Amino acid sequence: MPSVALPERRASALPPLAAATLRDSFEFPIGLCGLLYRAPGANDADYGASLIALQVLNSGRGALADLSANGKLLAAFDIGTALSDSGATFVVGIPPLTGSADGAAISFPVRSHATEPRACARFDRDAKLKLLSALAYKQASISGIAFDWAQAAAQRLSSPYTVLEDVATLSDADIDRVFNTYYSPQHQITALLEPASLKAMPTIDAKGVEENVRYTPSASEPLPDWATPMLDAPPHVPQVSKNETVFRLANGLTVVTVPESVSPTIVVKGEIDTEPAYFEPPGREGSRI
């Protein structure tokens, strides 16, 4: 295939989603319901707030978790993805064996994870703190930094720390506005999948052509401007702090604190000095109570 010049990248201008319902069946023993919403892209001003919305919806104390705990659904969860200019969020519900996809397509309490406004604000702040902690803690991990760099380059962000900085400045009103704007029934695609009888498993065609998944790079992609200075800087090993502080609590626990400056996070680890054999009944060694 001859190489050609790529056209200039055009800005995306996606119209709002129109509410619709899609129905189908698939070979699976249970049905499935999915609510699809368009979400902000990674370069959108609302991207950080949409990440907090995902945290809120997937909270174990939220309304989606209650649907499973109350036996109305086998599972209910929210997943999201984002490209540079647009994103998508899927609220998924799996009905019980005696239920149906239509039954699962109830009005998911997307925002009514708490009926009291002050409780909603508490959920938002807890989700914001959890997200900030996760983003900051990745800066203490080589793989975490590598993932952030790769994602920032793929989403054409100005810096791998853009999201962390944006989330830190968000208010409760910002999160409410994102819920009301993007999780709207007027722009909701409802997908209903009913179970169908399982057919015979497909057989492998022995005469088929072997799949080739090998890839040989033929060009070098330059790094973003924000990455070059970091790689040009001479490498250095972070200094391990020697300023340990050891003290004992009133309940007998020994606490050791070691300050580090790699990332603005606190790591709490604990150990219990015990002997499992003390809890084994005589003559039943190796068993558990």
Protein backbone atom coordinates (compact mmCIF):
# COMPACT_ATOMS: atom_id res chain seq x y z
CA MET A 1 0.00 0.00 0.00
CA PRO A 2 1.65 3.29 -1.03
CA SER A 3 1.99 6.01 1.61
CA VAL A 4 -0.06 9.19 1.23
CA ALA A 5 -0.17 12.48 3.09
CA LEU A 6 -2.69 12.44 5.92
CA PRO A 7 -5.42 15.07 5.81
CA GLU A 8 -5.42 17.85 8.36
CA ARG A 9 -7.03 16.84 11.63
CA ARG A 10 -10.41 18.54 11.89
CA ALA A 11 -12.05 19.55 15.13
CA SER A 12 -14.94 17.31 16.21
CA ALA A 13 -18.40 18.85 16.33
CA LEU A 14 -20.70 16.09 17.57
CA PRO A 15 -24.43 16.87 17.87
CA PRO A 16 -26.22 15.92 21.11
CA LEU A 17 -27.43 12.34 21.37
CA ALA A 18 -31.12 11.82 20.73
CA ALA A 19 -32.88 9.45 23.15
CA ALA A 20 -33.40 5.99 21.64
CA THR A 21 -33.95 2.37 22.65
CA LEU A 22 -32.16 -0.54 20.97
CA ARG A 23 -33.24 -4.18 21.35
CA ASP A 24 -31.45 -7.39 20.47
CA SER A 25 -30.60 -10.84 21.83
CA PHE A 26 -27.31 -12.63 22.32
CA GLU A 27 -26.15 -16.10 23.30
CA PHE A 28 -25.95 -15.72 27.05
CA PRO A 29 -27.94 -17.24 29.92
CA ILE A 30 -28.98 -13.86 31.35
CA GLY A 31 -30.00 -10.53 29.89
CA LEU A 32 -28.33 -7.17 30.11
CA CYS A 33 -29.33 -3.55 30.09
CA GLY A 34 -27.04 -0.65 29.29
CA LEU A 35 -27.63 3.08 29.44
CA LEU A 36 -25.25 5.04 27.24
CA TYR A 37 -24.43 8.72 27.74
CA ARG A 38 -22.00 10.94 25.89
CA ALA A 39 -19.28 12.18 28.24
CA PRO A 40 -16.69 14.96 28.03
CA GLY A 41 -13.48 14.33 26.12
CA ALA A 42 -10.08 14.46 27.80
CA ASN A 43 -9.55 18.05 26.63
CA ASP A 44 -12.98 19.23 27.74
CA ALA A 45 -13.27 21.54 30.75
CA ASP A 46 -15.75 19.06 32.29
CA TYR A 47 -13.48 16.01 32.00
CA GLY A 48 -12.26 16.12 35.59
CA ALA A 49 -15.81 16.42 36.93
CA SER A 50 -16.89 13.46 34.78
CA LEU A 51 -14.19 11.31 36.43
CA ILE A 52 -15.59 12.23 39.83
CA ALA A 53 -19.07 11.32 38.57
CA LEU A 54 -17.75 7.84 37.71
CA GLN A 55 -16.34 7.52 41.23
CA VAL A 56 -19.67 8.57 42.73
CA LEU A 57 -21.72 6.14 40.64
CA ASN A 58 -19.43 3.21 41.45
CA SER A 59 -19.33 3.95 45.15
CA GLY A 60 -20.25 0.99 47.30
CA ARG A 61 -22.54 3.32 49.26
CA GLY A 62 -24.38 4.63 46.19
CA ALA A 63 -27.71 3.78 44.61
CA LEU A 64 -26.25 1.48 41.96
CA ALA A 65 -24.72 -0.67 44.69
CA ASP A 66 -28.09 -0.69 46.50
CA LEU A 67 -29.74 -2.27 43.44
CA SER A 68 -27.47 -5.29 43.85
CA ALA A 69 -27.64 -5.36 47.65
CA ASN A 70 -31.47 -5.31 47.54
CA GLY A 71 -31.61 -8.16 45.04
CA LYS A 72 -33.18 -6.10 42.25
CA LEU A 73 -30.20 -6.72 39.98
CA LEU A 74 -27.33 -9.20 39.97
CA ALA A 75 -24.93 -6.35 39.33
CA ALA A 76 -24.97 -2.67 38.46
CA PHE A 77 -21.91 -0.61 37.62
CA ASP A 78 -20.66 2.28 35.55
CA ILE A 79 -17.74 2.34 33.12
CA GLY A 80 -16.40 5.22 31.10
CA THR A 81 -13.89 5.98 28.39
CA ALA A 82 -12.63 9.18 26.81
CA LEU A 83 -10.84 10.18 23.65
CA SER A 84 -9.36 13.60 23.08
CA ASP A 85 -12.57 15.30 21.92
CA SER A 86 -15.39 13.11 23.25
CA GLY A 87 -16.14 10.30 25.66
CA ALA A 88 -18.83 7.81 26.65
CA THR A 89 -20.26 6.44 29.87
CA PHE A 90 -22.11 3.14 30.23
CA VAL A 91 -24.38 2.40 33.18
CA VAL A 92 -24.83 -1.39 33.06
CA GLY A 93 -27.44 -3.46 34.84
CA ILE A 94 -27.59 -7.29 34.89
CA PRO A 95 -31.03 -8.65 35.83
CA PRO A 96 -31.52 -11.84 37.89
CA LEU A 97 -32.32 -15.12 36.16
CA THR A 98 -36.04 -14.54 36.64
CA GLY A 99 -35.80 -10.95 35.41
CA SER A 100 -35.52 -9.32 32.02
CA ALA A 101 -33.57 -6.57 30.36
CA ASP A 102 -36.73 -4.46 30.37
CA GLY A 103 -37.00 -4.97 34.09
CA ALA A 104 -33.42 -3.83 34.51
CA ALA A 105 -34.09 -0.75 32.39
CA ILE A 106 -35.60 1.03 35.31
CA SER A 107 -34.85 4.69 35.83
CA PHE A 108 -31.40 4.13 37.22
CA PRO A 109 -31.01 6.49 40.17
CA VAL A 110 -28.03 8.10 38.49
CA ARG A 111 -27.98 11.17 40.68
CA SER A 112 -30.26 10.05 43.53
CA HIS A 113 -27.49 8.20 45.33
CA ALA A 114 -28.70 10.20 48.33
CA THR A 115 -31.91 12.12 48.74
CA GLU A 116 -30.51 14.86 50.92
CA PRO A 117 -28.49 17.56 49.09
CA ARG A 118 -25.90 17.69 51.85
CA ALA A 119 -25.43 13.92 51.59
CA CYS A 120 -24.92 14.26 47.82
CA ALA A 121 -22.23 16.84 48.46
CA ARG A 122 -20.53 14.47 50.91
CA PHE A 123 -20.49 11.70 48.27
CA ASP A 124 -18.98 14.15 45.78
CA ARG A 125 -16.24 15.26 48.17
CA ASP A 126 -15.40 11.68 49.13
CA ALA A 127 -15.18 10.72 45.45
CA LYS A 128 -13.01 13.76 44.73
CA LEU A 129 -10.63 12.90 47.56
CA LYS A 130 -10.38 9.28 46.40
CA LEU A 131 -9.65 10.33 42.81
CA LEU A 132 -7.05 12.90 43.86
CA SER A 133 -5.35 10.33 46.07
CA ALA A 134 -5.22 7.78 43.25
CA LEU A 135 -3.84 10.31 40.76
CA ALA A 136 -1.22 11.57 43.20
CA TYR A 137 -0.16 8.12 44.37
CA LYS A 138 0.64 7.07 40.78
CA GLN A 139 3.45 9.64 40.81
CA ALA A 140 5.30 7.36 43.26
CA SER A 141 5.17 4.46 40.81
CA ILE A 142 7.27 3.98 37.68
CA SER A 143 4.44 2.11 35.96
CA GLY A 144 1.95 4.74 37.15
CA ILE A 145 4.01 7.56 35.65
CA ALA A 146 4.48 5.61 32.42
CA PHE A 147 0.74 5.05 32.14
CA ASP A 148 0.00 8.74 32.75
CA TRP A 149 2.57 9.77 30.14
CA ALA A 150 1.17 7.36 27.54
CA GLN A 151 -2.40 8.46 28.22
CA ALA A 152 -1.50 12.15 28.07
CA ALA A 153 0.24 11.66 24.73
CA ALA A 154 -2.67 9.64 23.31
CA GLN A 155 -5.27 12.17 24.46
CA ARG A 156 -3.13 15.12 23.34
CA LEU A 157 -3.11 16.70 26.80
CA SER A 158 -0.86 19.67 27.53
CA SER A 159 0.67 17.80 30.48
CA PRO A 160 0.23 14.45 32.26
CA TYR A 161 -0.68 16.43 35.38
CA THR A 162 -3.51 18.41 33.78
CA VAL A 163 -6.25 16.15 35.14
CA LEU A 164 -4.82 16.22 38.68
CA GLU A 165 -4.69 20.02 38.63
CA ASP A 166 -8.22 20.33 37.21
CA VAL A 167 -9.82 17.92 39.69
CA ALA A 168 -8.26 19.77 42.64
CA THR A 169 -10.11 22.99 41.73
CA LEU A 170 -13.58 21.49 41.17
CA SER A 171 -16.54 22.52 43.32
CA ASP A 172 -19.76 20.68 44.24
CA ALA A 173 -21.59 22.87 41.70
CA ASP A 174 -19.27 21.68 38.92
CA ILE A 175 -20.07 18.04 39.66
CA ASP A 176 -23.82 18.72 39.87
CA ARG A 177 -23.71 20.49 36.53
CA VAL A 178 -21.97 17.51 34.90
CA PHE A 179 -24.57 15.09 36.27
CA ASN A 180 -27.45 17.27 35.07
CA THR A 181 -25.88 17.95 31.67
CA TYR A 182 -24.57 14.57 30.60
CA TYR A 183 -26.66 12.02 32.54
CA SER A 184 -29.91 13.25 31.03
CA PRO A 185 -32.83 11.02 29.92
CA GLN A 186 -33.25 13.30 26.89
CA HIS A 187 -29.79 12.21 25.63
CA GLN A 188 -29.83 8.57 26.77
CA ILE A 189 -29.38 5.49 24.57
CA THR A 190 -30.99 2.44 26.18
CA ALA A 191 -29.67 -0.93 25.00
CA LEU A 192 -31.71 -4.02 25.96
CA LEU A 193 -30.17 -7.44 25.36
CA GLU A 194 -32.32 -10.50 26.07
CA PRO A 195 -30.79 -13.97 26.52
CA ALA A 196 -30.95 -16.47 23.66
CA SER A 197 -30.39 -20.23 23.56
CA LEU A 198 -26.75 -21.18 23.40
CA LYS A 199 -25.73 -22.70 20.08
CA ALA A 200 -22.90 -25.13 19.48
CA MET A 201 -19.47 -23.71 20.04
CA PRO A 202 -17.83 -22.72 16.72
CA THR A 203 -15.09 -25.00 15.47
CA ILE A 204 -11.64 -23.84 14.41
CA ASP A 205 -11.00 -23.92 10.67
CA ALA A 206 -7.79 -25.90 10.32
CA LYS A 207 -7.37 -24.60 6.78
CA GLY A 208 -7.62 -20.97 7.82
CA VAL A 209 -4.77 -18.55 7.39
CA GLU A 210 -2.64 -18.11 10.50
CA GLU A 211 -3.22 -14.77 12.16
CA ASN A 212 -0.26 -12.42 12.11
CA VAL A 213 -0.17 -10.00 15.01
CA ARG A 214 3.47 -8.99 14.67
CA TYR A 215 4.25 -5.33 14.23
CA THR A 216 7.56 -3.78 13.20
CA PRO A 217 7.80 -0.02 13.81
CA SER A 218 8.92 1.86 10.71
CA ALA A 219 8.87 5.43 12.01
CA SER A 220 9.78 7.31 15.16
CA GLU A 221 7.10 9.43 16.81
CA PRO A 222 8.53 12.49 18.59
CA LEU A 223 7.74 12.93 22.27
CA PRO A 224 5.48 15.78 23.42
CA ASP A 225 7.16 19.02 24.47
CA TRP A 226 6.45 18.39 28.15
CA ALA A 227 8.25 15.01 28.10
CA THR A 228 11.56 16.04 26.51
CA PRO A 229 12.98 18.10 29.43
CA MET A 230 12.20 15.32 31.88
CA LEU A 231 14.11 12.74 29.85
CA ASP A 232 17.00 15.09 29.12
CA ALA A 233 17.57 15.68 32.83
CA PRO A 234 20.27 13.45 34.37
CA PRO A 235 18.78 10.45 36.21
CA HIS A 236 19.06 10.32 39.96
CA VAL A 237 18.03 7.91 42.66
CA PRO A 238 15.55 9.38 45.19
CA GLN A 239 17.12 9.84 48.59
CA VAL A 240 15.78 7.57 51.31
CA SER A 241 14.94 9.50 54.44
CA LYS A 242 16.77 8.52 57.62
CA ASN A 243 14.56 10.63 59.86
CA GLU A 244 12.44 7.83 61.22
CA THR A 245 10.20 8.53 64.17
CA VAL A 246 9.20 5.60 66.38
CA PHE A 247 6.61 5.82 69.12
CA ARG A 248 4.15 3.55 70.90
CA LEU A 249 0.41 4.12 71.20
CA ALA A 250 -1.53 3.60 74.41
CA ASN A 251 -2.91 0.30 73.08
CA GLY A 252 0.61 -1.08 72.64
CA LEU A 253 0.96 -0.59 68.88
CA THR A 254 4.35 0.60 67.68
CA VAL A 255 4.18 3.32 65.01
CA VAL A 256 7.07 4.12 62.68
CA THR A 257 6.86 7.19 60.44
CA VAL A 258 9.22 7.75 57.51
CA PRO A 259 8.82 11.02 55.56
CA GLU A 260 9.13 10.91 51.76
CA SER A 261 8.67 13.62 49.15
CA VAL A 262 8.03 11.56 46.01
CA SER A 263 4.29 12.26 45.95
CA PRO A 264 1.80 14.03 48.24
CA THR A 265 0.38 10.81 49.67
CA ILE A 266 0.41 8.86 52.91
CA VAL A 267 0.94 5.09 52.95
CA VAL A 268 -0.28 3.19 55.99
CA LYS A 269 0.97 -0.37 56.51
CA GLY A 270 0.42 -2.62 59.47
CA GLU A 271 1.62 -5.96 60.79
CA ILE A 272 0.38 -8.13 63.63
CA ASP A 273 3.06 -10.04 65.48
CA THR A 274 1.33 -13.32 66.27
CA GLU A 275 1.65 -17.08 65.92
CA PRO A 276 -1.14 -18.98 64.07
CA ALA A 277 -0.37 -22.15 66.02
CA TYR A 278 -1.72 -20.47 69.17
CA PHE A 279 -5.22 -20.57 67.63
CA GLU A 280 -5.19 -24.21 66.59
CA PRO A 281 -7.08 -26.60 68.90
CA PRO A 282 -5.00 -29.48 70.31
CA GLY A 283 -5.03 -32.44 67.99
CA ARG A 284 -6.32 -30.31 65.10
CA GLU A 285 -3.11 -28.63 64.04
CA GLY A 286 -3.40 -26.97 60.67
CA SER A 287 -7.14 -26.38 61.01
CA ARG A 288 -8.88 -23.03 61.39
CA ILE A 289 -11.51 -21.98 63.83
